[in-house]
Amino acid sequence: MHTKSPIHRPEAYDLYWYFAAERQAIFERRYHGQSAPWTGDPILNEYKFCNVFRATDRISQHLIRDVIYSDDKTDPVDKLFQIVLFRTFSKIETWEAILDTLGRPPLISDLLDDKLTRILDDRRETNQPIYTSAFILCANDAYSQGIKHRNHIEMLRDMFVAHDLATDIMSASSLRIVYDLLHSYPLMGDFMSYQIAVDLNYSAILRFDENDFTKAGPGALRGMRKCFISLGGYSPEDIIMYMVNNQEKEFRRLGLDFNGLFGRRLHAIDCQGLFCETDKYCRVALPELASARSRIKAKYTDAKKPSKLFLPPKWQLNNNI
C-alpha cells in the first residue's frame, strides 16, 4: 500500500503517452507500406527512436525469429545458452559470424574449447564491431582476461559449464528468480539481467507474465525524473507498473488512438523502454528539463520496409499480423 501518490509533471507526463501513440502509429504506417513521411512531428521525423514494443525492434526480432524459434530440435539447455550469448553482444553480424564459422548454432559444448573466443578475437583483430552500440555493458576485468569479449566468454563458461545455469533457469518459479540468477554473476548488472530475463521468457521454455517483475534502467530513471515531480511513495518499478495499469485511461483522457500491438497492451518492459525514449524526446521538446544527457545522438535514416513480424507464438498474435 502506497502512502503517497506520485505527482505528475503534466507537460512531460502527457508527452509520454503522446510519444507512445505517435511512435506506434509510425511503426504501423511503415509496416503497412505507406509512403513517407509517416508523421507530422518534426522531432520524430529527424531523430531515431526505438519502437514502442520491445519485441518489434530489429534486434529482438532477429533473436525471436532466428535464434529462439529457428530450430525447435535444439535442446532447451542449449537454447537458453544461445539466447544469453546472442543478447550479450546484441549484434546480428556477430551472431552470423559464429554461425558461419561453426556451420551451425553454437552449443554449450563450444565453451569447452576456444572456438567462440577465436571467432570473437578474429572480429576484434579485423576491426569488426562485436557489440551493439545500443547497450553500455559492464566491462570490468571480473575474469582477469584483460579484454571485454574474453571476459564475457569466461562469464558464459561460469554460467553454463561451471554452474549449470540453464537447469537453474528451467527450475525457476518466477521471472524475478530468473533475474536474480542472472544477476548473481559478475558482469551482469541490473539492466542486462532484466533484459536477458525478458529474452529468455520469449521462448517456449518459460511462461511467466512479463508484468510479474520489472527493473528500471538508467534511461528509464532519467525519463521518470522528467515525467514526475515526485514519485511519492512509489519505487521506480512501482511507477512502471503504474503506467501499465493506467494506460487505457490516459490514452482516453488525451484523446489518443492507441490499439497496442495487434491488440496486445503495453507490458512492463515496454513502459520501461518508453521512459527512456521519452527522456530522449524531451531533450528537444522540453530542453529546460535538464538531465545528464542534453541531445539525441542518432538521427533517423530512411530504412527499408520492416520484415514480416514474428512474435512469440504463445502470445497468439502471429495470425493477426
C-alpha atoms as a PDB file:
ATOM      1  CA  MET A   1       0.000   0.000   0.000  1.00  0.00           C
ATOM      2  CA  HIS A   2       1.465   3.356  -1.064  1.00  0.00           C
ATOM      3  CA  THR A   3       1.152   6.190   1.438  1.00  0.00           C
ATOM      4  CA  LYS A   4       1.841   8.962  -1.088  1.00  0.00           C
ATOM      5  CA  SER A   5       0.801   9.176  -4.739  1.00  0.00           C
ATOM      6  CA  PRO A   6       3.236  10.255  -7.455  1.00  0.00           C
ATOM      7  CA  ILE A   7       2.995  13.833  -8.697  1.00  0.00           C
ATOM      8  CA  HIS A   8       2.979  14.231 -12.485  1.00  0.00           C
ATOM      9  CA  ARG A   9       4.874  16.901 -14.361  1.00  0.00           C
ATOM     10  CA  PRO A  10       1.998  17.373 -16.840  1.00  0.00           C
ATOM     11  CA  GLU A  11       3.942  18.662 -19.841  1.00  0.00           C
ATOM     12  CA  ALA A  12       6.314  15.652 -19.811  1.00  0.00           C
ATOM     13  CA  TYR A  13       3.892  13.057 -18.438  1.00  0.00           C
ATOM     14  CA  ASP A  14       1.448  13.754 -21.270  1.00  0.00           C
ATOM     15  CA  LEU A  15       4.289  13.573 -23.796  1.00  0.00           C
ATOM     16  CA  TYR A  16       4.985  10.023 -22.602  1.00  0.00           C
ATOM     17  CA  TRP A  17       1.533   8.948 -23.807  1.00  0.00           C
ATOM     18  CA  TYR A  18       1.647  11.113 -26.916  1.00  0.00           C
ATOM     19  CA  PHE A  19       5.024   9.643 -27.863  1.00  0.00           C
ATOM     20  CA  ALA A  20       3.744   6.085 -27.361  1.00  0.00           C
ATOM     21  CA  ALA A  21       0.725   6.673 -29.606  1.00  0.00           C
ATOM     22  CA  GLU A  22       2.528   8.578 -32.371  1.00  0.00           C
ATOM     23  CA  ARG A  23       5.627   6.367 -32.447  1.00  0.00           C
ATOM     24  CA  GLN A  24       3.424   3.257 -32.670  1.00  0.00           C
ATOM     25  CA  ALA A  25       1.395   4.907 -35.450  1.00  0.00           C
ATOM     26  CA  ILE A  26       4.641   5.492 -37.375  1.00  0.00           C
ATOM     27  CA  PHE A  27       5.560   1.839 -36.955  1.00  0.00           C
ATOM     28  CA  GLU A  28       2.152   0.736 -38.238  1.00  0.00           C
ATOM     29  CA  ARG A  29       2.188   3.104 -41.230  1.00  0.00           C
ATOM     30  CA  ARG A  30       5.637   1.906 -42.278  1.00  0.00           C
ATOM     31  CA  TYR A  31       4.754  -1.722 -41.687  1.00  0.00           C
ATOM     32  CA  HIS A  32       1.669  -1.468 -43.886  1.00  0.00           C
ATOM     33  CA  GLY A  33       3.671   0.056 -46.717  1.00  0.00           C
ATOM     34  CA  GLN A  34       2.581   3.684 -46.555  1.00  0.00           C
ATOM     35  CA  SER A  35       4.953   6.208 -48.082  1.00  0.00           C
ATOM     36  CA  ALA A  36       6.956   8.678 -46.002  1.00  0.00           C
ATOM     37  CA  PRO A  37       6.525  10.960 -44.207  1.00  0.00           C
ATOM     38  CA  TRP A  38       4.792   8.821 -41.600  1.00  0.00           C
ATOM     39  CA  THR A  39       4.273  11.656 -39.125  1.00  0.00           C
ATOM     40  CA  GLY A  40       3.988  15.417 -38.972  1.00  0.00           C
ATOM     41  CA  ASP A  41       6.067  15.500 -35.785  1.00  0.00           C
ATOM     42  CA  PRO A  42       9.395  17.177 -36.652  1.00  0.00           C
ATOM     43  CA  ILE A  43      11.256  15.519 -33.754  1.00  0.00           C
ATOM     44  CA  LEU A  44      10.139  12.035 -34.726  1.00  0.00           C
ATOM     45  CA  ASN A  45      10.973  12.806 -38.366  1.00  0.00           C
ATOM     46  CA  GLU A  46      14.508  13.925 -37.574  1.00  0.00           C
ATOM     47  CA  TYR A  47      15.720  11.625 -34.821  1.00  0.00           C
ATOM     48  CA  LYS A  48      15.922   7.879 -34.304  1.00  0.00           C
ATOM     49  CA  PHE A  49      13.713   6.342 -31.619  1.00  0.00           C
ATOM     50  CA  CYS A  50      13.126   2.736 -30.634  1.00  0.00           C
ATOM     51  CA  ASN A  51       9.829   1.027 -31.338  1.00  0.00           C
ATOM     52  CA  VAL A  52       7.197   1.220 -28.627  1.00  0.00           C
ATOM     53  CA  PHE A  53       7.020  -2.563 -28.257  1.00  0.00           C
ATOM     54  CA  ARG A  54      10.418  -4.052 -27.493  1.00  0.00           C
ATOM     55  CA  ALA A  55       9.642  -7.341 -29.241  1.00  0.00           C
ATOM     56  CA  THR A  56       9.280  -5.499 -32.574  1.00  0.00           C
ATOM     57  CA  ASP A  57      12.699  -3.873 -32.633  1.00  0.00           C
ATOM     58  CA  ARG A  58      15.208  -5.193 -35.192  1.00  0.00           C
ATOM     59  CA  ILE A  59      17.499  -6.968 -32.732  1.00  0.00           C
ATOM     60  CA  SER A  60      14.666  -8.545 -30.749  1.00  0.00           C
ATOM     61  CA  GLN A  61      13.018  -9.693 -33.973  1.00  0.00           C
ATOM     62  CA  HIS A  62      16.230 -11.417 -35.051  1.00  0.00           C
ATOM     63  CA  LEU A  63      16.512 -13.014 -31.626  1.00  0.00           C
ATOM     64  CA  ILE A  64      12.911 -14.254 -31.639  1.00  0.00           C
ATOM     65  CA  ARG A  65      12.770 -15.438 -35.252  1.00  0.00           C
ATOM     66  CA  ASP A  66      16.313 -16.592 -35.992  1.00  0.00           C
ATOM     67  CA  VAL A  67      17.641 -17.670 -32.599  1.00  0.00           C
ATOM     68  CA  ILE A  68      14.812 -18.713 -30.292  1.00  0.00           C
ATOM     69  CA  TYR A  69      12.451 -20.225 -32.855  1.00  0.00           C
ATOM     70  CA  SER A  70      14.916 -21.108 -35.607  1.00  0.00           C
ATOM     71  CA  ASP A  71      15.175 -24.788 -34.704  1.00  0.00           C
ATOM     72  CA  ASP A  72      12.743 -26.469 -32.345  1.00  0.00           C
ATOM     73  CA  LYS A  73      15.008 -29.537 -32.201  1.00  0.00           C
ATOM     74  CA  THR A  74      17.639 -27.662 -30.186  1.00  0.00           C
ATOM     75  CA  ASP A  75      17.933 -28.960 -26.647  1.00  0.00           C
ATOM     76  CA  PRO A  76      16.332 -26.468 -24.194  1.00  0.00           C
ATOM     77  CA  VAL A  77      19.589 -26.176 -22.264  1.00  0.00           C
ATOM     78  CA  ASP A  78      21.472 -25.121 -25.404  1.00  0.00           C
ATOM     79  CA  LYS A  79      18.609 -22.845 -26.463  1.00  0.00           C
ATOM     80  CA  LEU A  80      18.840 -20.893 -23.206  1.00  0.00           C
ATOM     81  CA  PHE A  81      22.608 -20.587 -23.741  1.00  0.00           C
ATOM     82  CA  GLN A  82      22.063 -19.274 -27.282  1.00  0.00           C
ATOM     83  CA  ILE A  83      19.658 -16.603 -26.030  1.00  0.00           C
ATOM     84  CA  VAL A  84      22.101 -15.359 -23.399  1.00  0.00           C
ATOM     85  CA  LEU A  85      25.006 -15.453 -25.872  1.00  0.00           C
ATOM     86  CA  PHE A  86      23.105 -13.502 -28.528  1.00  0.00           C
ATOM     87  CA  ARG A  87      21.903 -10.764 -26.163  1.00  0.00           C
ATOM     88  CA  THR A  88      25.314 -10.416 -24.537  1.00  0.00           C
ATOM     89  CA  PHE A  89      26.578  -8.953 -27.819  1.00  0.00           C
ATOM     90  CA  SER A  90      23.212  -7.913 -29.364  1.00  0.00           C
ATOM     91  CA  LYS A  91      24.960  -7.731 -32.719  1.00  0.00           C
ATOM     92  CA  ILE A  92      23.416  -9.649 -35.612  1.00  0.00           C
ATOM     93  CA  GLU A  93      26.708  -9.658 -37.523  1.00  0.00           C
ATOM     94  CA  THR A  94      28.499 -11.244 -34.545  1.00  0.00           C
ATOM     95  CA  TRP A  95      25.872 -13.970 -34.325  1.00  0.00           C
ATOM     96  CA  GLU A  96      26.087 -14.616 -38.069  1.00  0.00           C
ATOM     97  CA  ALA A  97      29.886 -14.835 -37.885  1.00  0.00           C
ATOM     98  CA  ILE A  98      29.525 -17.519 -35.213  1.00  0.00           C
ATOM     99  CA  LEU A  99      27.007 -19.446 -37.364  1.00  0.00           C
ATOM    100  CA  ASP A 100      29.151 -19.148 -40.487  1.00  0.00           C
ATOM    101  CA  THR A 101      32.303 -20.343 -38.738  1.00  0.00           C
ATOM    102  CA  LEU A 102      30.712 -23.215 -36.812  1.00  0.00           C
ATOM    103  CA  GLY A 103      28.321 -24.175 -39.608  1.00  0.00           C
ATOM    104  CA  ARG A 104      25.508 -24.443 -37.030  1.00  0.00           C
ATOM    105  CA  PRO A 105      24.133 -22.654 -33.977  1.00  0.00           C
ATOM    106  CA  PRO A 106      26.553 -22.544 -31.023  1.00  0.00           C
ATOM    107  CA  LEU A 107      26.248 -25.107 -28.236  1.00  0.00           C
ATOM    108  CA  ILE A 108      27.391 -25.103 -24.632  1.00  0.00           C
ATOM    109  CA  SER A 109      29.982 -27.698 -25.646  1.00  0.00           C
ATOM    110  CA  ASP A 110      31.631 -24.968 -27.750  1.00  0.00           C
ATOM    111  CA  LEU A 111      32.600 -23.300 -24.464  1.00  0.00           C
ATOM    112  CA  LEU A 112      34.795 -26.274 -23.581  1.00  0.00           C
ATOM    113  CA  ASP A 113      37.454 -25.176 -26.038  1.00  0.00           C
ATOM    114  CA  ASP A 114      38.338 -21.776 -27.532  1.00  0.00           C
ATOM    115  CA  LYS A 115      36.142 -21.872 -30.658  1.00  0.00           C
ATOM    116  CA  LEU A 116      33.955 -18.933 -29.689  1.00  0.00           C
ATOM    117  CA  THR A 117      36.912 -16.987 -28.321  1.00  0.00           C
ATOM    118  CA  ARG A 118      38.787 -17.354 -31.619  1.00  0.00           C
ATOM    119  CA  ILE A 119      35.791 -16.140 -33.632  1.00  0.00           C
ATOM    120  CA  LEU A 120      35.481 -13.031 -31.491  1.00  0.00           C
ATOM    121  CA  ASP A 121      39.240 -12.489 -31.440  1.00  0.00           C
ATOM    122  CA  ASP A 122      39.204 -12.504 -35.243  1.00  0.00           C
ATOM    123  CA  ARG A 123      36.456  -9.876 -35.371  1.00  0.00           C
ATOM    124  CA  ARG A 124      38.374  -7.660 -32.973  1.00  0.00           C
ATOM    125  CA  GLU A 125      41.630  -8.059 -34.900  1.00  0.00           C
ATOM    126  CA  THR A 126      39.912  -7.130 -38.179  1.00  0.00           C
ATOM    127  CA  ASN A 127      38.197  -4.094 -36.612  1.00  0.00           C
ATOM    128  CA  GLN A 128      34.691  -5.536 -36.931  1.00  0.00           C
ATOM    129  CA  PRO A 129      32.395  -4.491 -34.074  1.00  0.00           C
ATOM    130  CA  ILE A 130      31.489  -7.289 -31.671  1.00  0.00           C
ATOM    131  CA  TYR A 131      28.925  -5.416 -29.596  1.00  0.00           C
ATOM    132  CA  THR A 132      25.914  -3.245 -30.320  1.00  0.00           C
ATOM    133  CA  SER A 133      26.250   0.439 -29.521  1.00  0.00           C
ATOM    134  CA  ALA A 134      22.732   0.452 -28.026  1.00  0.00           C
ATOM    135  CA  PHE A 135      23.733  -1.001 -24.642  1.00  0.00           C
ATOM    136  CA  ILE A 136      26.530   0.051 -22.344  1.00  0.00           C
ATOM    137  CA  LEU A 137      27.714  -3.207 -20.781  1.00  0.00           C
ATOM    138  CA  CYS A 138      29.660  -3.692 -17.612  1.00  0.00           C
ATOM    139  CA  ALA A 139      33.255  -4.048 -18.798  1.00  0.00           C
ATOM    140  CA  ASN A 140      35.318  -4.684 -15.681  1.00  0.00           C
ATOM    141  CA  ASP A 141      38.004  -7.353 -15.662  1.00  0.00           C
ATOM    142  CA  ALA A 142      35.977  -9.730 -13.484  1.00  0.00           C
ATOM    143  CA  TYR A 143      37.508 -12.850 -15.032  1.00  0.00           C
ATOM    144  CA  SER A 144      41.042 -11.428 -15.403  1.00  0.00           C
ATOM    145  CA  GLN A 145      41.043 -11.676 -19.200  1.00  0.00           C
ATOM    146  CA  GLY A 146      42.022  -8.083 -19.945  1.00  0.00           C
ATOM    147  CA  ILE A 147      39.724  -7.937 -22.999  1.00  0.00           C
ATOM    148  CA  LYS A 148      35.979  -7.318 -22.795  1.00  0.00           C
ATOM    149  CA  HIS A 149      34.751 -10.126 -25.048  1.00  0.00           C
ATOM    150  CA  ARG A 150      37.084 -12.663 -23.431  1.00  0.00           C
ATOM    151  CA  ASN A 151      35.661 -11.747 -20.029  1.00  0.00           C
ATOM    152  CA  HIS A 152      32.180 -12.363 -21.403  1.00  0.00           C
ATOM    153  CA  ILE A 153      33.172 -15.778 -22.763  1.00  0.00           C
ATOM    154  CA  GLU A 154      34.534 -16.648 -19.317  1.00  0.00           C
ATOM    155  CA  MET A 155      31.276 -15.413 -17.809  1.00  0.00           C
ATOM    156  CA  LEU A 156      29.348 -17.761 -20.113  1.00  0.00           C
ATOM    157  CA  ARG A 157      31.599 -20.654 -19.106  1.00  0.00           C
ATOM    158  CA  ASP A 158      30.963 -19.781 -15.465  1.00  0.00           C
ATOM    159  CA  MET A 159      27.215 -19.708 -16.089  1.00  0.00           C
ATOM    160  CA  PHE A 160      26.672 -22.731 -18.313  1.00  0.00           C
ATOM    161  CA  VAL A 161      29.600 -25.067 -17.628  1.00  0.00           C
ATOM    162  CA  ALA A 162      30.678 -24.454 -14.055  1.00  0.00           C
ATOM    163  CA  HIS A 163      27.231 -23.758 -12.595  1.00  0.00           C
ATOM    164  CA  ASP A 164      24.617 -25.238 -14.972  1.00  0.00           C
ATOM    165  CA  LEU A 165      22.634 -22.002 -15.112  1.00  0.00           C
ATOM    166  CA  ALA A 166      20.257 -23.393 -17.753  1.00  0.00           C
ATOM    167  CA  THR A 167      18.920 -26.041 -15.379  1.00  0.00           C
ATOM    168  CA  ASP A 168      18.510 -23.424 -12.649  1.00  0.00           C
ATOM    169  CA  ILE A 169      16.549 -21.186 -15.046  1.00  0.00           C
ATOM    170  CA  MET A 170      14.255 -24.032 -16.068  1.00  0.00           C
ATOM    171  CA  SER A 171      13.563 -24.706 -12.383  1.00  0.00           C
ATOM    172  CA  ALA A 172      12.776 -21.045 -11.601  1.00  0.00           C
ATOM    173  CA  SER A 173       9.280 -20.295 -10.327  1.00  0.00           C
ATOM    174  CA  SER A 174       9.162 -16.606 -11.318  1.00  0.00           C
ATOM    175  CA  LEU A 175      10.671 -14.017 -13.649  1.00  0.00           C
ATOM    176  CA  ARG A 176      12.226 -12.370 -10.585  1.00  0.00           C
ATOM    177  CA  ILE A 177      14.117 -15.577  -9.787  1.00  0.00           C
ATOM    178  CA  VAL A 178      15.393 -15.747 -13.386  1.00  0.00           C
ATOM    179  CA  TYR A 179      16.602 -12.158 -12.973  1.00  0.00           C
ATOM    180  CA  ASP A 180      18.260 -12.963  -9.639  1.00  0.00           C
ATOM    181  CA  LEU A 181      20.029 -15.993 -11.118  1.00  0.00           C
ATOM    182  CA  LEU A 182      21.476 -13.881 -13.941  1.00  0.00           C
ATOM    183  CA  HIS A 183      22.281 -11.006 -11.620  1.00  0.00           C
ATOM    184  CA  SER A 184      24.377 -13.250  -9.373  1.00  0.00           C
ATOM    185  CA  TYR A 185      27.162 -13.425 -11.978  1.00  0.00           C
ATOM    186  CA  PRO A 186      29.941 -10.870 -12.496  1.00  0.00           C
ATOM    187  CA  LEU A 187      29.353  -8.524 -15.458  1.00  0.00           C
ATOM    188  CA  MET A 188      25.576  -8.963 -15.161  1.00  0.00           C
ATOM    189  CA  GLY A 189      24.259  -5.626 -13.936  1.00  0.00           C
ATOM    190  CA  ASP A 190      20.677  -4.672 -13.177  1.00  0.00           C
ATOM    191  CA  PHE A 191      19.827  -3.599 -16.728  1.00  0.00           C
ATOM    192  CA  MET A 192      21.264  -6.563 -18.636  1.00  0.00           C
ATOM    193  CA  SER A 193      19.947  -9.097 -16.141  1.00  0.00           C
ATOM    194  CA  TYR A 194      16.437  -7.773 -16.700  1.00  0.00           C
ATOM    195  CA  GLN A 195      16.788  -7.546 -20.473  1.00  0.00           C
ATOM    196  CA  ILE A 196      18.045 -11.130 -20.749  1.00  0.00           C
ATOM    197  CA  ALA A 197      15.365 -12.413 -18.358  1.00  0.00           C
ATOM    198  CA  VAL A 198      12.755 -10.959 -20.720  1.00  0.00           C
ATOM    199  CA  ASP A 199      14.521 -12.513 -23.718  1.00  0.00           C
ATOM    200  CA  LEU A 200      14.534 -15.934 -22.075  1.00  0.00           C
ATOM    201  CA  ASN A 201      10.842 -15.524 -21.385  1.00  0.00           C
ATOM    202  CA  TYR A 202      10.152 -15.042 -25.115  1.00  0.00           C
ATOM    203  CA  SER A 203      10.970 -18.726 -25.530  1.00  0.00           C
ATOM    204  CA  ALA A 204       8.530 -21.598 -25.044  1.00  0.00           C
ATOM    205  CA  ILE A 205      10.730 -22.842 -22.191  1.00  0.00           C
ATOM    206  CA  LEU A 206       9.497 -20.175 -19.749  1.00  0.00           C
ATOM    207  CA  ARG A 207       5.924 -18.973 -19.401  1.00  0.00           C
ATOM    208  CA  PHE A 208       5.967 -16.070 -16.931  1.00  0.00           C
ATOM    209  CA  ASP A 209       3.827 -12.954 -17.210  1.00  0.00           C
ATOM    210  CA  GLU A 210       6.091 -10.043 -18.237  1.00  0.00           C
ATOM    211  CA  ASN A 211       4.279  -7.875 -15.705  1.00  0.00           C
ATOM    212  CA  ASP A 212       5.302 -10.076 -12.775  1.00  0.00           C
ATOM    213  CA  PHE A 213       8.636  -8.292 -12.466  1.00  0.00           C
ATOM    214  CA  THR A 214      10.362  -5.238 -13.875  1.00  0.00           C
ATOM    215  CA  LYS A 215      13.529  -3.207 -13.369  1.00  0.00           C
ATOM    216  CA  ALA A 216      14.141   0.414 -14.295  1.00  0.00           C
ATOM    217  CA  GLY A 217      17.257   1.034 -16.353  1.00  0.00           C
ATOM    218  CA  PRO A 218      19.307   4.260 -16.299  1.00  0.00           C
ATOM    219  CA  GLY A 219      17.424   5.788 -19.243  1.00  0.00           C
ATOM    220  CA  ALA A 220      14.085   4.950 -17.674  1.00  0.00           C
ATOM    221  CA  LEU A 221      15.122   6.667 -14.447  1.00  0.00           C
ATOM    222  CA  ARG A 222      16.010   9.810 -16.411  1.00  0.00           C
ATOM    223  CA  GLY A 223      12.615   9.695 -18.094  1.00  0.00           C
ATOM    224  CA  MET A 224      10.810   9.294 -14.769  1.00  0.00           C
ATOM    225  CA  ARG A 225      12.542  12.354 -13.346  1.00  0.00           C
ATOM    226  CA  LYS A 226      11.130  14.325 -16.263  1.00  0.00           C
ATOM    227  CA  CYS A 227       7.619  12.851 -16.174  1.00  0.00           C
ATOM    228  CA  PHE A 228       7.175  13.117 -12.399  1.00  0.00           C
ATOM    229  CA  ILE A 229       7.892  15.931  -9.978  1.00  0.00           C
ATOM    230  CA  SER A 230       7.846  13.321  -7.230  1.00  0.00           C
ATOM    231  CA  LEU A 231       7.432   9.536  -7.209  1.00  0.00           C
ATOM    232  CA  GLY A 232       5.684   9.834  -3.854  1.00  0.00           C
ATOM    233  CA  GLY A 233       5.765   6.518  -2.035  1.00  0.00           C
ATOM    234  CA  TYR A 234       6.385   4.589  -5.256  1.00  0.00           C
ATOM    235  CA  SER A 235       9.608   2.879  -6.264  1.00  0.00           C
ATOM    236  CA  PRO A 236      10.772   3.228  -9.891  1.00  0.00           C
ATOM    237  CA  GLU A 237       9.453  -0.274 -10.525  1.00  0.00           C
ATOM    238  CA  ASP A 238       6.094   0.703  -8.997  1.00  0.00           C
ATOM    239  CA  ILE A 239       5.977   3.657 -11.386  1.00  0.00           C
ATOM    240  CA  ILE A 240       6.492   1.373 -14.382  1.00  0.00           C
ATOM    241  CA  MET A 241       3.547  -0.733 -13.242  1.00  0.00           C
ATOM    242  CA  TYR A 242       1.563   2.469 -12.610  1.00  0.00           C
ATOM    243  CA  MET A 243       1.962   3.254 -16.314  1.00  0.00           C
ATOM    244  CA  VAL A 244       0.994  -0.313 -17.304  1.00  0.00           C
ATOM    245  CA  ASN A 245      -2.136  -0.177 -15.170  1.00  0.00           C
ATOM    246  CA  ASN A 246      -3.257   3.299 -16.261  1.00  0.00           C
ATOM    247  CA  GLN A 247      -2.536   3.165 -19.993  1.00  0.00           C
ATOM    248  CA  GLU A 248      -6.121   2.863 -21.280  1.00  0.00           C
ATOM    249  CA  LYS A 249      -7.307   5.654 -19.006  1.00  0.00           C
ATOM    250  CA  GLU A 250      -4.503   8.012 -20.063  1.00  0.00           C
ATOM    251  CA  PHE A 251      -4.829   7.382 -23.803  1.00  0.00           C
ATOM    252  CA  ARG A 252      -8.560   8.010 -23.461  1.00  0.00           C
ATOM    253  CA  ARG A 253      -8.032  11.163 -21.379  1.00  0.00           C
ATOM    254  CA  LEU A 254      -5.735  12.630 -24.030  1.00  0.00           C
ATOM    255  CA  GLY A 255      -7.876  11.515 -26.961  1.00  0.00           C
ATOM    256  CA  LEU A 256      -5.053   9.409 -28.378  1.00  0.00           C
ATOM    257  CA  ASP A 257      -5.658   6.480 -30.708  1.00  0.00           C
ATOM    258  CA  PHE A 258      -3.642   3.519 -29.444  1.00  0.00           C
ATOM    259  CA  ASN A 259      -4.574  -0.063 -30.238  1.00  0.00           C
ATOM    260  CA  GLY A 260      -1.429  -1.703 -28.928  1.00  0.00           C
ATOM    261  CA  LEU A 261       0.451  -4.367 -30.855  1.00  0.00           C
ATOM    262  CA  PHE A 262      -2.324  -6.142 -32.744  1.00  0.00           C
ATOM    263  CA  GLY A 263      -4.364  -5.833 -29.569  1.00  0.00           C
ATOM    264  CA  ARG A 264      -1.558  -6.547 -27.092  1.00  0.00           C
ATOM    265  CA  ARG A 265      -1.374  -3.784 -24.479  1.00  0.00           C
ATOM    266  CA  LEU A 266       1.836  -2.282 -23.179  1.00  0.00           C
ATOM    267  CA  HIS A 267       3.678  -4.508 -20.719  1.00  0.00           C
ATOM    268  CA  ALA A 268       6.269  -3.564 -18.121  1.00  0.00           C
ATOM    269  CA  ILE A 269       9.261  -3.979 -20.452  1.00  0.00           C
ATOM    270  CA  ASP A 270       7.584  -1.661 -22.971  1.00  0.00           C
ATOM    271  CA  CYS A 271       6.660   1.007 -20.409  1.00  0.00           C
ATOM    272  CA  GLN A 272      10.202   0.829 -19.037  1.00  0.00           C
ATOM    273  CA  GLY A 273      11.596   1.469 -22.514  1.00  0.00           C
ATOM    274  CA  LEU A 274       9.099   4.264 -23.156  1.00  0.00           C
ATOM    275  CA  PHE A 275      10.526   6.224 -20.234  1.00  0.00           C
ATOM    276  CA  CYS A 276      13.945   6.044 -21.893  1.00  0.00           C
ATOM    277  CA  GLU A 277      12.554   7.203 -25.242  1.00  0.00           C
ATOM    278  CA  THR A 278      10.523   9.976 -23.583  1.00  0.00           C
ATOM    279  CA  ASP A 279      13.703  11.216 -21.935  1.00  0.00           C
ATOM    280  CA  LYS A 280      15.271  11.454 -25.401  1.00  0.00           C
ATOM    281  CA  TYR A 281      12.213  13.137 -26.919  1.00  0.00           C
ATOM    282  CA  CYS A 282      12.121  15.719 -24.118  1.00  0.00           C
ATOM    283  CA  ARG A 283      15.725  16.743 -24.808  1.00  0.00           C
ATOM    284  CA  VAL A 284      14.342  18.539 -27.864  1.00  0.00           C
ATOM    285  CA  ALA A 285      10.691  19.086 -26.914  1.00  0.00           C
ATOM    286  CA  LEU A 286      11.363  20.305 -23.357  1.00  0.00           C
ATOM    287  CA  PRO A 287      15.072  21.223 -23.198  1.00  0.00           C
ATOM    288  CA  GLU A 288      14.503  23.105 -19.939  1.00  0.00           C
ATOM    289  CA  LEU A 289      14.157  19.716 -18.224  1.00  0.00           C
ATOM    290  CA  ALA A 290      17.889  19.183 -17.986  1.00  0.00           C
ATOM    291  CA  SER A 291      19.408  15.760 -17.382  1.00  0.00           C
ATOM    292  CA  ALA A 292      22.786  14.110 -17.695  1.00  0.00           C
ATOM    293  CA  ARG A 293      22.217  13.947 -21.469  1.00  0.00           C
ATOM    294  CA  SER A 294      21.233  17.041 -23.398  1.00  0.00           C
ATOM    295  CA  ARG A 295      20.939  15.911 -27.019  1.00  0.00           C
ATOM    296  CA  ILE A 296      19.779  12.984 -29.134  1.00  0.00           C
ATOM    297  CA  LYS A 297      22.795  11.399 -30.781  1.00  0.00           C
ATOM    298  CA  ALA A 298      21.203   9.327 -33.534  1.00  0.00           C
ATOM    299  CA  LYS A 299      19.444  10.921 -36.495  1.00  0.00           C
ATOM    300  CA  TYR A 300      16.764   8.994 -38.354  1.00  0.00           C
ATOM    301  CA  THR A 301      17.888   7.431 -41.619  1.00  0.00           C
ATOM    302  CA  ASP A 302      15.333   6.016 -44.011  1.00  0.00           C
ATOM    303  CA  ALA A 303      15.382   2.250 -43.741  1.00  0.00           C
ATOM    304  CA  LYS A 304      13.793  -0.418 -45.875  1.00  0.00           C
ATOM    305  CA  LYS A 305      10.320  -1.625 -45.046  1.00  0.00           C
ATOM    306  CA  PRO A 306      10.385  -3.846 -41.947  1.00  0.00           C
ATOM    307  CA  SER A 307      10.334  -7.599 -42.473  1.00  0.00           C
ATOM    308  CA  LYS A 308       7.209  -9.530 -41.605  1.00  0.00           C
ATOM    309  CA  LEU A 309       6.911  -9.664 -37.848  1.00  0.00           C
ATOM    310  CA  PHE A 310       7.223 -12.888 -35.929  1.00  0.00           C
ATOM    311  CA  LEU A 311       6.214 -12.756 -32.276  1.00  0.00           C
ATOM    312  CA  PRO A 312       6.451 -15.439 -29.574  1.00  0.00           C
ATOM    313  CA  PRO A 313       3.796 -17.997 -30.617  1.00  0.00           C
ATOM    314  CA  LYS A 314       2.486 -18.252 -27.057  1.00  0.00           C
ATOM    315  CA  TRP A 315       1.217 -14.660 -27.421  1.00  0.00           C
ATOM    316  CA  GLN A 316      -1.164 -15.947 -30.121  1.00  0.00           C
ATOM    317  CA  LEU A 317      -0.694 -12.842 -32.271  1.00  0.00           C
ATOM    318  CA  ASN A 318       1.027 -14.168 -35.392  1.00  0.00           C
ATOM    319  CA  ASN A 319      -2.270 -14.973 -37.122  1.00  0.00           C
ATOM    320  CA  ASN A 320      -3.355 -11.338 -36.580  1.00  0.00           C
ATOM    321  CA  ILE A 321      -0.341  -9.815 -38.298  1.00  0.00           C
END
